[in-house]
Amino acid sequence: MLGNQNNIDKLILYLKSNCFPVQQIYRILPNKNQCFYHVLEDLEIPQNRIDFYTNSLQQGQYLLVINSTESQIKQVQAILEFLNMVDWEIYYTPRAYQVNSSNFDDFTLFDDSTYSMMLN
C-alpha cells in the first residue's frame, strides 16, 4: 500500500492485533532506503511497478512490503477489506526466501515463503 504514515501505521496496528508476524512487514519511508529498488528487482517485481513505487516514494508516500505465505496473504486481504484499503498488489516470487530486510530496517532472513505481497 502506498499512502501516508497514518494509513500505513493503522494497517500495521491491525496486522499486529491479528497476530501477524511483524518481522515480515517492511515499511519503506519516503526518500529513505534507496537500495530497496534492487530488492524489488531481486523479487522480480515488474520494472514499471518499481518505477511507480520509486516515484511515489520521492513524492513523500510510504510503501509497505509484506512477505508471507498464501494463507497469511488471505489474512492481510481481509484486514485490507475491513479498512477499505483497495489499492494493493500481490506478486508471486519463488525467490522471496532469499531476500532479507537489511536494505529496509532490520535484518531478517525469510523461511521458504512463496508469496510476496506488495501493497500499493
Foldseek 3Di string as FASTA:
>chain_A
DKAAPVVVVVLLVVCVVVVNPCQQKFKAWAPALPVVLVVCVLQVDDPVVSVVVNVSSPVGIMWMKGFAAPVVVVVSVVSCVVVVNDAWFKDFGQCQQVDFCPSTPDTDGHDRHGIITTGD
